[in-house]
Structure formats: structure tokens, C-alpha cells
Amino acid sequence: MRLSIVLPAKNEAEGLRRVLPALRSRLPEAEIIVVDDGSTDDTAAVAAQHGATALSAPYSMGNGAAIKRGARAASGDVIVFMDADGQHDPAHIQSLLDKLAEGYDMVVGARDSSGQANAGRGAANALYNRLASWMTGMRVADLTSGFRAVRADRFREFLHLLPNGFSYPTTSTMAFFRSAYPVAYVPIPVARRVGNNSHIRPIKDGIRFLLIIFKIATLYSPLKLFAPIGMGFGLLGLGYYAYTFVTEHRFTNMSALLLSAAVIIFLIGLISEQITNLTYLRD
């Protein structure tokens, strides 16, 4: 089994100085690819100094774009994705590979609460995990973890679905579940990141996380989200109609609007479900 390790990196020279020697020591035969996402520091130079293949972009295109570039360049049968900031310990890669060997197509390193950036981020991730578990009917321990091992041919099937920005873990996980490729989780501790160049922005990322919730639904089964919402509008419309009929003996415009919204939302969900099915058609 040939192994490739892909590290998306933006201004992570400091972290790479610690991560790359550890990777080379533990997995000397592995192909190591550092995707330099428009860094302004010595990220590419540090990667080259430690024998890694450096793929440099002239400007920043996003974490997801770096993942896609690394996946295309990787020659291994299995690809391990991990952060370059020192949070992921190379010693845990073997645990992912051992689990993958049991017949899984993707194995994700699941963080506990101590591995979250802050309490707000932890609460958001817990919400995503619950929603994804409900959508898929499977236990999702960590939907947004970037530390994962995948079978390269399976992962490349979904490169066209991955966003160029953040949330590639969400998209790839839901795509694997949707295509009935087995996914497993291995508990891992997460260290404090090296350096202070966090790219998290509370307001912008708060909106992004809200959009992730809708992406979870639309990537897996839109009707599971739209049908309950449509039913809620329908019940509200019927309830309001019953109230106005008893009190005013008439059918109001608001009741008509709510019932119409219920039908429209359900039909949107039905159409979205068919589009999702077409997205996952294979030759």
C-alpha cells in the first residue's frame, strides 16, 4: 500500500519545522506533499528543506482548493490529510491506517471537547455532528475534523463537490455516506496549534457554519430537511385556518399563504432530492 500525506499550509513554516521531521521519522517511505496556499512566509522553503514535495500557489485559493490540488498530485493508494500547524500528531496516523485496513474507505480522527478552538466552536461542531447523524442514520463523531485517511480513488470521485474554502471535511464525509462508502472514527487528542495565525473570524465564520448546516442536508438528503419544514408550515396554516374559521367564520389570506408555502417547500425538497440523486450517479 502506497501512502501519501497531504498538508494544506498557509503561513505554517513554524509548524512544519516540527511536523515534517516527525512525519519523516515515523513514515520514511510515505510521499509527503505540502500545498502552499499563497503563503508569505517560508512555508515552501521549509517543506523543500525537509524533503517534502511543495506545491505552491501564486495566491491563496482556500483550504479546500489546497486539499484538491494535493489529492490530484498524490500518487499513493491511501491519502492522509492533516493540518500543518502541529495540532495533529503524526504518531496517530498509524491508528487511522489500521482502522482503514479493516475495510473502511475513510477513517476520521475524532477530537474530544478539549480539541475545539473555543466553547462556541465546540457547541457548533456538536450541533453539526447531531444533525449529520440524524441525516445519515449513522453516528458522526466529528464532522469537521481535517485529520483523516481515505482511499485515494474513492476520494477523487468527489473532488468536484468540494468547496475551495473551508468545510471540505463536511462535504467529503457526507458524500462518502451518501455513496455508501464505509466511514469510521478513531478518537485522537489534539495539541495546541503552533503559532498564532488562526484564520477563524467570528462573524464571517458564524455565517459560514450556518451555511454548513444547509450543506449537510443538501449533500445527503434534502427531503429530510425540507419535508419537516413544509409540514410545519402546513400545520401552522391549518391551525390558523381553524382559528379564523371559529372566530371569524372565514378563510384568510394568511392561511392560504402558509398552506401554499408548505406545498412549495415540499416540492423544492422533492426536486432537490432528485438533483442530489443525479449528482451521485456513477458511470
C-alpha atoms as a PDB file:
ATOM      1  CA  MET A   1       0.000   0.000   0.000  1.00  0.00           C
ATOM      2  CA  ARG A   2       1.484   3.322  -1.106  1.00  0.00           C
ATOM      3  CA  LEU A   3       0.834   6.189   1.279  1.00  0.00           C
ATOM      4  CA  SER A   4       0.646   9.908   0.539  1.00  0.00           C
ATOM      5  CA  ILE A   5       0.348  12.573   3.240  1.00  0.00           C
ATOM      6  CA  VAL A   6      -1.114  15.924   2.209  1.00  0.00           C
ATOM      7  CA  LEU A   7      -0.720  19.019   4.380  1.00  0.00           C
ATOM      8  CA  PRO A   8      -2.515  22.205   3.282  1.00  0.00           C
ATOM      9  CA  ALA A   9      -0.456  25.105   4.610  1.00  0.00           C
ATOM     10  CA  LYS A  10      -0.809  28.860   4.666  1.00  0.00           C
ATOM     11  CA  ASN A  11       1.980  30.639   6.541  1.00  0.00           C
ATOM     12  CA  GLU A  12       2.761  27.495   8.530  1.00  0.00           C
ATOM     13  CA  ALA A  13       6.580  27.498   8.352  1.00  0.00           C
ATOM     14  CA  GLU A  14       6.857  27.304  12.137  1.00  0.00           C
ATOM     15  CA  GLY A  15       4.503  24.337  12.410  1.00  0.00           C
ATOM     16  CA  LEU A  16       6.109  22.495   9.506  1.00  0.00           C
ATOM     17  CA  ARG A  17       9.534  22.664  11.166  1.00  0.00           C
ATOM     18  CA  ARG A  18       8.106  20.429  13.877  1.00  0.00           C
ATOM     19  CA  VAL A  19       5.643  18.296  11.905  1.00  0.00           C
ATOM     20  CA  LEU A  20       7.733  17.296   8.875  1.00  0.00           C
ATOM     21  CA  PRO A  21      10.690  15.746  10.770  1.00  0.00           C
ATOM     22  CA  ALA A  22       8.232  13.736  12.859  1.00  0.00           C
ATOM     23  CA  LEU A  23       6.440  12.530   9.740  1.00  0.00           C
ATOM     24  CA  ARG A  24       9.661  11.556   8.012  1.00  0.00           C
ATOM     25  CA  SER A  25      10.862   9.733  11.124  1.00  0.00           C
ATOM     26  CA  ARG A  26       7.705   7.663  11.565  1.00  0.00           C
ATOM     27  CA  LEU A  27       6.788   7.116   7.910  1.00  0.00           C
ATOM     28  CA  PRO A  28      10.036   7.296   5.910  1.00  0.00           C
ATOM     29  CA  GLU A  29       8.536   5.693   2.789  1.00  0.00           C
ATOM     30  CA  ALA A  30       5.485   7.938   2.609  1.00  0.00           C
ATOM     31  CA  GLU A  31       5.066  10.617  -0.024  1.00  0.00           C
ATOM     32  CA  ILE A  32       4.694  13.972   1.755  1.00  0.00           C
ATOM     33  CA  ILE A  33       3.030  16.831  -0.105  1.00  0.00           C
ATOM     34  CA  VAL A  34       2.815  20.335   1.337  1.00  0.00           C
ATOM     35  CA  VAL A  35       0.340  22.514  -0.554  1.00  0.00           C
ATOM     36  CA  ASP A  36       1.474  26.086  -0.031  1.00  0.00           C
ATOM     37  CA  ASP A  37      -1.686  28.171  -0.308  1.00  0.00           C
ATOM     38  CA  GLY A  38      -0.157  31.515  -1.233  1.00  0.00           C
ATOM     39  CA  SER A  39       1.990  31.820   1.899  1.00  0.00           C
ATOM     40  CA  THR A  40       4.032  34.940   2.545  1.00  0.00           C
ATOM     41  CA  ASP A  41       6.482  33.215   4.896  1.00  0.00           C
ATOM     42  CA  ASP A  42       8.985  30.367   4.320  1.00  0.00           C
ATOM     43  CA  THR A  43       6.383  27.587   4.112  1.00  0.00           C
ATOM     44  CA  ALA A  44       7.537  26.303   0.696  1.00  0.00           C
ATOM     45  CA  ALA A  45      11.220  26.566   1.599  1.00  0.00           C
ATOM     46  CA  VAL A  46      10.762  24.672   4.868  1.00  0.00           C
ATOM     47  CA  ALA A  47       8.846  21.939   3.031  1.00  0.00           C
ATOM     48  CA  ALA A  48      11.653  21.553   0.494  1.00  0.00           C
ATOM     49  CA  GLN A  49      14.318  21.520   3.216  1.00  0.00           C
ATOM     50  CA  HIS A  50      12.651  18.520   4.826  1.00  0.00           C
ATOM     51  CA  GLY A  51      12.275  16.543   1.620  1.00  0.00           C
ATOM     52  CA  ALA A  52       8.580  17.163   1.047  1.00  0.00           C
ATOM     53  CA  THR A  53       7.039  17.989  -2.303  1.00  0.00           C
ATOM     54  CA  ALA A  54       5.922  21.621  -2.230  1.00  0.00           C
ATOM     55  CA  LEU A  55       3.013  22.697  -4.420  1.00  0.00           C
ATOM     56  CA  SER A  56       2.914  26.482  -4.330  1.00  0.00           C
ATOM     57  CA  ALA A  57       0.037  28.695  -5.447  1.00  0.00           C
ATOM     58  CA  PRO A  58       0.670  32.301  -6.518  1.00  0.00           C
ATOM     59  CA  TYR A  59      -2.186  33.454  -4.295  1.00  0.00           C
ATOM     60  CA  SER A  60      -4.437  31.981  -1.613  1.00  0.00           C
ATOM     61  CA  MET A  61      -7.282  29.904  -3.033  1.00  0.00           C
ATOM     62  CA  GLY A  62      -8.548  28.374   0.208  1.00  0.00           C
ATOM     63  CA  ASN A  63      -8.152  25.264   2.308  1.00  0.00           C
ATOM     64  CA  GLY A  64     -10.436  23.165   0.110  1.00  0.00           C
ATOM     65  CA  ALA A  65      -8.553  24.175  -3.026  1.00  0.00           C
ATOM     66  CA  ALA A  66      -5.297  23.088  -1.373  1.00  0.00           C
ATOM     67  CA  ILE A  67      -6.840  19.734  -0.491  1.00  0.00           C
ATOM     68  CA  LYS A  68      -7.968  19.215  -4.080  1.00  0.00           C
ATOM     69  CA  ARG A  69      -4.562  20.116  -5.506  1.00  0.00           C
ATOM     70  CA  GLY A  70      -2.855  17.771  -3.074  1.00  0.00           C
ATOM     71  CA  ALA A  71      -5.264  14.916  -3.813  1.00  0.00           C
ATOM     72  CA  ARG A  72      -4.686  15.250  -7.542  1.00  0.00           C
ATOM     73  CA  ALA A  73      -0.909  15.237  -7.111  1.00  0.00           C
ATOM     74  CA  ALA A  74      -0.780  12.333  -4.640  1.00  0.00           C
ATOM     75  CA  SER A  75       0.439   9.030  -6.065  1.00  0.00           C
ATOM     76  CA  GLY A  76      -0.483   6.857  -3.085  1.00  0.00           C
ATOM     77  CA  ASP A  77      -3.339   4.367  -2.826  1.00  0.00           C
ATOM     78  CA  VAL A  78      -4.206   5.947   0.534  1.00  0.00           C
ATOM     79  CA  ILE A  79      -4.072   9.655   1.339  1.00  0.00           C
ATOM     80  CA  VAL A  80      -3.789  11.075   4.838  1.00  0.00           C
ATOM     81  CA  PHE A  81      -4.881  14.684   5.240  1.00  0.00           C
ATOM     82  CA  MET A  82      -3.623  16.560   8.283  1.00  0.00           C
ATOM     83  CA  ASP A  83      -3.004  20.121   9.429  1.00  0.00           C
ATOM     84  CA  ALA A  84       0.431  21.688   9.213  1.00  0.00           C
ATOM     85  CA  ASP A  85       0.088  23.692  12.426  1.00  0.00           C
ATOM     86  CA  GLY A  86       1.184  20.956  14.826  1.00  0.00           C
ATOM     87  CA  GLN A  87      -2.268  20.064  16.153  1.00  0.00           C
ATOM     88  CA  HIS A  88      -2.210  16.594  14.619  1.00  0.00           C
ATOM     89  CA  ASP A  89       0.400  14.195  15.943  1.00  0.00           C
ATOM     90  CA  PRO A  90       1.984  12.008  13.229  1.00  0.00           C
ATOM     91  CA  ALA A  91       2.048   9.189  15.782  1.00  0.00           C
ATOM     92  CA  HIS A  92      -1.731   8.826  15.361  1.00  0.00           C
ATOM     93  CA  ILE A  93      -1.578   8.205  11.617  1.00  0.00           C
ATOM     94  CA  GLN A  94      -0.982   4.504  12.163  1.00  0.00           C
ATOM     95  CA  SER A  95      -4.238   4.263  14.138  1.00  0.00           C
ATOM     96  CA  LEU A  96      -6.115   5.662  11.157  1.00  0.00           C
ATOM     97  CA  LEU A  97      -4.378   3.281   8.760  1.00  0.00           C
ATOM     98  CA  ASP A  98      -5.054   0.255  10.973  1.00  0.00           C
ATOM     99  CA  LYS A  99      -8.763   1.105  11.040  1.00  0.00           C
ATOM    100  CA  LEU A 100      -8.793   1.705   7.285  1.00  0.00           C
ATOM    101  CA  ALA A 101      -7.343  -1.790   6.795  1.00  0.00           C
ATOM    102  CA  GLU A 102     -10.465  -3.249   8.408  1.00  0.00           C
ATOM    103  CA  GLY A 103     -12.409  -2.447   5.253  1.00  0.00           C
ATOM    104  CA  TYR A 104     -13.300   1.219   5.614  1.00  0.00           C
ATOM    105  CA  ASP A 105     -12.943   3.786   2.853  1.00  0.00           C
ATOM    106  CA  MET A 106     -12.488   6.776   5.156  1.00  0.00           C
ATOM    107  CA  VAL A 107     -11.269   6.980   8.746  1.00  0.00           C
ATOM    108  CA  VAL A 108     -11.519  10.268  10.628  1.00  0.00           C
ATOM    109  CA  GLY A 109      -9.595  11.325  13.709  1.00  0.00           C
ATOM    110  CA  ALA A 110     -12.334  12.428  16.117  1.00  0.00           C
ATOM    111  CA  ARG A 111     -11.497  15.191  18.586  1.00  0.00           C
ATOM    112  CA  ASP A 112     -12.955  15.474  22.066  1.00  0.00           C
ATOM    113  CA  SER A 113     -14.128  18.768  23.610  1.00  0.00           C
ATOM    114  CA  SER A 114     -10.562  19.709  24.577  1.00  0.00           C
ATOM    115  CA  GLY A 115      -9.603  19.700  20.910  1.00  0.00           C
ATOM    116  CA  GLN A 116     -12.009  22.504  19.952  1.00  0.00           C
ATOM    117  CA  ALA A 117     -10.749  26.039  19.373  1.00  0.00           C
ATOM    118  CA  ASN A 118     -13.234  27.526  21.867  1.00  0.00           C
ATOM    119  CA  ALA A 119     -16.556  26.816  23.561  1.00  0.00           C
ATOM    120  CA  GLY A 120     -18.574  28.376  20.752  1.00  0.00           C
ATOM    121  CA  ARG A 121     -16.774  26.346  18.114  1.00  0.00           C
ATOM    122  CA  GLY A 122     -17.277  23.194  20.182  1.00  0.00           C
ATOM    123  CA  ALA A 123     -21.018  23.837  20.523  1.00  0.00           C
ATOM    124  CA  ALA A 124     -21.338  24.446  16.774  1.00  0.00           C
ATOM    125  CA  ASN A 125     -19.467  21.235  15.956  1.00  0.00           C
ATOM    126  CA  ALA A 126     -21.651  19.279  18.387  1.00  0.00           C
ATOM    127  CA  LEU A 127     -24.715  20.616  16.555  1.00  0.00           C
ATOM    128  CA  TYR A 128     -23.267  19.589  13.191  1.00  0.00           C
ATOM    129  CA  ASN A 129     -22.485  16.105  14.487  1.00  0.00           C
ATOM    130  CA  ARG A 130     -26.052  15.629  15.739  1.00  0.00           C
ATOM    131  CA  LEU A 131     -27.576  16.916  12.518  1.00  0.00           C
ATOM    132  CA  ALA A 132     -25.313  14.780  10.345  1.00  0.00           C
ATOM    133  CA  SER A 133     -26.052  11.718  12.495  1.00  0.00           C
ATOM    134  CA  TRP A 134     -29.782  12.302  12.068  1.00  0.00           C
ATOM    135  CA  MET A 135     -29.462  12.824   8.313  1.00  0.00           C
ATOM    136  CA  THR A 136     -27.329   9.733   7.697  1.00  0.00           C
ATOM    137  CA  GLY A 137     -28.681   7.418  10.367  1.00  0.00           C
ATOM    138  CA  MET A 138     -25.071   6.761  11.386  1.00  0.00           C
ATOM    139  CA  ARG A 139     -23.100   8.067  14.350  1.00  0.00           C
ATOM    140  CA  VAL A 140     -20.953  11.007  13.235  1.00  0.00           C
ATOM    141  CA  ALA A 141     -18.357  11.638  15.938  1.00  0.00           C
ATOM    142  CA  ASP A 142     -16.566  14.622  14.348  1.00  0.00           C
ATOM    143  CA  LEU A 143     -17.933  16.054  11.120  1.00  0.00           C
ATOM    144  CA  THR A 144     -15.385  18.854  10.723  1.00  0.00           C
ATOM    145  CA  SER A 145     -12.102  17.140  11.619  1.00  0.00           C
ATOM    146  CA  GLY A 146      -9.418  17.689   8.992  1.00  0.00           C
ATOM    147  CA  PHE A 147      -7.340  14.711  10.149  1.00  0.00           C
ATOM    148  CA  ARG A 148      -8.424  11.738   8.055  1.00  0.00           C
ATOM    149  CA  ALA A 149      -7.223   8.815   5.965  1.00  0.00           C
ATOM    150  CA  VAL A 150      -9.034   7.981   2.725  1.00  0.00           C
ATOM    151  CA  ARG A 151      -8.730   5.616  -0.178  1.00  0.00           C
ATOM    152  CA  ALA A 152      -7.481   7.869  -2.951  1.00  0.00           C
ATOM    153  CA  ASP A 153      -9.706   6.586  -5.746  1.00  0.00           C
ATOM    154  CA  ARG A 154     -12.832   6.982  -3.614  1.00  0.00           C
ATOM    155  CA  PHE A 155     -11.902  10.494  -2.508  1.00  0.00           C
ATOM    156  CA  ARG A 156     -11.172  11.723  -6.027  1.00  0.00           C
ATOM    157  CA  GLU A 157     -14.719  10.832  -7.075  1.00  0.00           C
ATOM    158  CA  PHE A 158     -15.946  13.821  -5.071  1.00  0.00           C
ATOM    159  CA  LEU A 159     -13.338  16.469  -5.843  1.00  0.00           C
ATOM    160  CA  HIS A 160     -15.872  18.365  -7.956  1.00  0.00           C
ATOM    161  CA  LEU A 161     -18.141  18.669  -4.909  1.00  0.00           C
ATOM    162  CA  LEU A 162     -15.523  20.080  -2.552  1.00  0.00           C
ATOM    163  CA  PRO A 163     -15.573  23.844  -1.920  1.00  0.00           C
ATOM    164  CA  ASN A 164     -12.412  25.872  -2.406  1.00  0.00           C
ATOM    165  CA  GLY A 165     -12.777  27.410   1.048  1.00  0.00           C
ATOM    166  CA  PHE A 166     -13.400  25.687   4.345  1.00  0.00           C
ATOM    167  CA  SER A 167     -15.768  22.776   5.109  1.00  0.00           C
ATOM    168  CA  TYR A 168     -14.129  20.197   2.848  1.00  0.00           C
ATOM    169  CA  PRO A 169     -14.366  17.692   5.766  1.00  0.00           C
ATOM    170  CA  THR A 170     -18.142  18.180   5.951  1.00  0.00           C
ATOM    171  CA  THR A 171     -18.608  17.798   2.216  1.00  0.00           C
ATOM    172  CA  SER A 172     -16.385  14.735   1.844  1.00  0.00           C
ATOM    173  CA  THR A 173     -17.886  12.956   4.860  1.00  0.00           C
ATOM    174  CA  MET A 174     -21.478  13.422   3.678  1.00  0.00           C
ATOM    175  CA  ALA A 175     -20.500  12.399   0.140  1.00  0.00           C
ATOM    176  CA  PHE A 176     -18.970   9.149   1.417  1.00  0.00           C
ATOM    177  CA  PHE A 177     -22.069   8.368   3.492  1.00  0.00           C
ATOM    178  CA  ARG A 178     -24.349   9.199   0.551  1.00  0.00           C
ATOM    179  CA  SER A 179     -22.426   6.825  -1.716  1.00  0.00           C
ATOM    180  CA  ALA A 180     -22.451   4.009   0.874  1.00  0.00           C
ATOM    181  CA  TYR A 181     -18.683   4.082   1.363  1.00  0.00           C
ATOM    182  CA  PRO A 182     -17.997   2.963   4.956  1.00  0.00           C
ATOM    183  CA  VAL A 183     -16.686   5.642   7.323  1.00  0.00           C
ATOM    184  CA  ALA A 184     -15.144   5.080  10.760  1.00  0.00           C
ATOM    185  CA  TYR A 185     -13.957   7.330  13.594  1.00  0.00           C
ATOM    186  CA  VAL A 186     -10.884   6.939  15.788  1.00  0.00           C
ATOM    187  CA  PRO A 187     -10.583   9.086  18.951  1.00  0.00           C
ATOM    188  CA  ILE A 188      -7.464  11.264  18.945  1.00  0.00           C
ATOM    189  CA  PRO A 189      -6.121  14.009  21.205  1.00  0.00           C
ATOM    190  CA  VAL A 190      -5.352  17.354  19.585  1.00  0.00           C
ATOM    191  CA  ALA A 191      -2.448  19.572  20.608  1.00  0.00           C
ATOM    192  CA  ARG A 192      -2.461  23.365  20.756  1.00  0.00           C
ATOM    193  CA  ARG A 193      -1.578  24.847  17.378  1.00  0.00           C
ATOM    194  CA  VAL A 194       1.899  26.230  16.736  1.00  0.00           C
ATOM    195  CA  GLY A 195       1.887  29.993  16.141  1.00  0.00           C
ATOM    196  CA  ASN A 196      -0.959  32.465  16.377  1.00  0.00           C
ATOM    197  CA  ASN A 197      -2.040  32.743  12.747  1.00  0.00           C
ATOM    198  CA  SER A 198      -5.546  31.375  13.229  1.00  0.00           C
ATOM    199  CA  HIS A 199      -7.796  32.038  10.258  1.00  0.00           C
ATOM    200  CA  ILE A 200     -11.064  31.948  12.249  1.00  0.00           C
ATOM    201  CA  ARG A 201     -13.248  35.088  12.003  1.00  0.00           C
ATOM    202  CA  PRO A 202     -16.270  35.006  14.374  1.00  0.00           C
ATOM    203  CA  ILE A 203     -18.884  36.826  12.262  1.00  0.00           C
ATOM    204  CA  LYS A 204     -17.888  35.550   8.837  1.00  0.00           C
ATOM    205  CA  ASP A 205     -17.341  32.009  10.095  1.00  0.00           C
ATOM    206  CA  GLY A 206     -20.605  32.114  12.056  1.00  0.00           C
ATOM    207  CA  ILE A 207     -22.443  32.668   8.771  1.00  0.00           C
ATOM    208  CA  ARG A 208     -20.304  30.016   7.137  1.00  0.00           C
ATOM    209  CA  PHE A 209     -21.173  27.489   9.838  1.00  0.00           C
ATOM    210  CA  LEU A 210     -24.880  28.237   9.353  1.00  0.00           C
ATOM    211  CA  LEU A 211     -24.480  27.515   5.643  1.00  0.00           C
ATOM    212  CA  ILE A 212     -22.723  24.253   6.518  1.00  0.00           C
ATOM    213  CA  ILE A 213     -25.922  23.084   8.214  1.00  0.00           C
ATOM    214  CA  PHE A 214     -27.843  23.521   4.975  1.00  0.00           C
ATOM    215  CA  LYS A 215     -24.994  21.943   3.024  1.00  0.00           C
ATOM    216  CA  ILE A 216     -25.173  18.863   5.242  1.00  0.00           C
ATOM    217  CA  ALA A 217     -28.812  18.434   4.299  1.00  0.00           C
ATOM    218  CA  THR A 218     -28.480  19.163   0.601  1.00  0.00           C
ATOM    219  CA  LEU A 219     -25.467  16.879   0.207  1.00  0.00           C
ATOM    220  CA  TYR A 220     -27.192  13.895   1.763  1.00  0.00           C
ATOM    221  CA  SER A 221     -30.984  14.012   1.529  1.00  0.00           C
ATOM    222  CA  PRO A 222     -32.657  17.423   1.043  1.00  0.00           C
ATOM    223  CA  LEU A 223     -36.134  15.993   1.535  1.00  0.00           C
ATOM    224  CA  LYS A 224     -35.236  15.079   5.106  1.00  0.00           C
ATOM    225  CA  LEU A 225     -34.859  18.790   5.814  1.00  0.00           C
ATOM    226  CA  PHE A 226     -37.499  20.296   3.525  1.00  0.00           C
ATOM    227  CA  ALA A 227     -40.304  17.831   4.353  1.00  0.00           C
ATOM    228  CA  PRO A 228     -40.445  18.636   8.115  1.00  0.00           C
ATOM    229  CA  ILE A 229     -40.261  22.372   7.378  1.00  0.00           C
ATOM    230  CA  GLY A 230     -43.062  22.054   4.827  1.00  0.00           C
ATOM    231  CA  MET A 231     -45.111  20.026   7.277  1.00  0.00           C
ATOM    232  CA  GLY A 232     -44.575  22.712   9.909  1.00  0.00           C
ATOM    233  CA  PHE A 233     -45.902  25.401   7.575  1.00  0.00           C
ATOM    234  CA  GLY A 234     -48.837  23.148   6.663  1.00  0.00           C
ATOM    235  CA  LEU A 235     -49.789  22.551  10.278  1.00  0.00           C
ATOM    236  CA  LEU A 236     -49.415  26.240  11.027  1.00  0.00           C
ATOM    237  CA  GLY A 237     -51.664  27.096   8.077  1.00  0.00           C
ATOM    238  CA  LEU A 238     -54.301  24.566   9.118  1.00  0.00           C
ATOM    239  CA  GLY A 239     -54.135  25.746  12.705  1.00  0.00           C
ATOM    240  CA  TYR A 240     -54.532  29.377  11.701  1.00  0.00           C
ATOM    241  CA  TYR A 241     -57.409  28.481   9.387  1.00  0.00           C
ATOM    242  CA  ALA A 242     -59.173  26.626  12.212  1.00  0.00           C
ATOM    243  CA  TYR A 243     -58.713  29.650  14.475  1.00  0.00           C
ATOM    244  CA  THR A 244     -60.063  32.173  11.947  1.00  0.00           C
ATOM    245  CA  PHE A 245     -62.934  29.861  10.982  1.00  0.00           C
ATOM    246  CA  VAL A 246     -64.065  29.596  14.597  1.00  0.00           C
ATOM    247  CA  THR A 247     -63.576  33.272  15.430  1.00  0.00           C
ATOM    248  CA  GLU A 248     -64.367  34.984  12.108  1.00  0.00           C
ATOM    249  CA  HIS A 249     -66.017  32.238  10.015  1.00  0.00           C
ATOM    250  CA  ARG A 250     -63.700  32.854   7.056  1.00  0.00           C
ATOM    251  CA  PHE A 251     -60.610  31.587   5.244  1.00  0.00           C
ATOM    252  CA  THR A 252     -57.908  34.270   5.403  1.00  0.00           C
ATOM    253  CA  ASN A 253     -55.103  35.199   3.059  1.00  0.00           C
ATOM    254  CA  MET A 254     -52.572  34.274   5.736  1.00  0.00           C
ATOM    255  CA  SER A 255     -53.909  30.718   5.868  1.00  0.00           C
ATOM    256  CA  ALA A 256     -53.667  30.492   2.073  1.00  0.00           C
ATOM    257  CA  LEU A 257     -50.107  31.839   2.183  1.00  0.00           C
ATOM    258  CA  LEU A 258     -48.990  29.346   4.839  1.00  0.00           C
ATOM    259  CA  LEU A 259     -50.558  26.376   3.056  1.00  0.00           C
ATOM    260  CA  SER A 260     -49.093  27.478  -0.271  1.00  0.00           C
ATOM    261  CA  ALA A 261     -45.664  27.822   1.358  1.00  0.00           C
ATOM    262  CA  ALA A 262     -45.983  24.286   2.726  1.00  0.00           C
ATOM    263  CA  VAL A 263     -46.621  22.874  -0.750  1.00  0.00           C
ATOM    264  CA  ILE A 264     -43.843  24.939  -2.363  1.00  0.00           C
ATOM    265  CA  ILE A 265     -41.265  23.970   0.273  1.00  0.00           C
ATOM    266  CA  PHE A 266     -42.141  20.292  -0.073  1.00  0.00           C
ATOM    267  CA  LEU A 267     -41.853  20.451  -3.861  1.00  0.00           C
ATOM    268  CA  ILE A 268     -38.499  22.245  -3.614  1.00  0.00           C
ATOM    269  CA  GLY A 269     -37.289  19.450  -1.353  1.00  0.00           C
ATOM    270  CA  LEU A 270     -38.553  16.833  -3.804  1.00  0.00           C
ATOM    271  CA  ILE A 271     -36.775  18.473  -6.743  1.00  0.00           C
ATOM    272  CA  SER A 272     -33.599  18.910  -4.667  1.00  0.00           C
ATOM    273  CA  GLU A 273     -33.718  15.214  -3.799  1.00  0.00           C
ATOM    274  CA  GLN A 274     -33.791  14.297  -7.482  1.00  0.00           C
ATOM    275  CA  ILE A 275     -30.898  16.663  -8.248  1.00  0.00           C
ATOM    276  CA  THR A 276     -28.893  15.113  -5.396  1.00  0.00           C
ATOM    277  CA  ASN A 277     -29.541  11.650  -6.817  1.00  0.00           C
ATOM    278  CA  LEU A 278     -28.236  12.788 -10.211  1.00  0.00           C
ATOM    279  CA  THR A 279     -25.135  14.260  -8.540  1.00  0.00           C
ATOM    280  CA  TYR A 280     -24.152  10.855  -7.195  1.00  0.00           C
ATOM    281  CA  LEU A 281     -24.818   8.883 -10.377  1.00  0.00           C
ATOM    282  CA  ARG A 282     -21.763   6.881 -11.420  1.00  0.00           C
ATOM    283  CA  ASP A 283     -20.842   5.622 -14.854  1.00  0.00           C
END
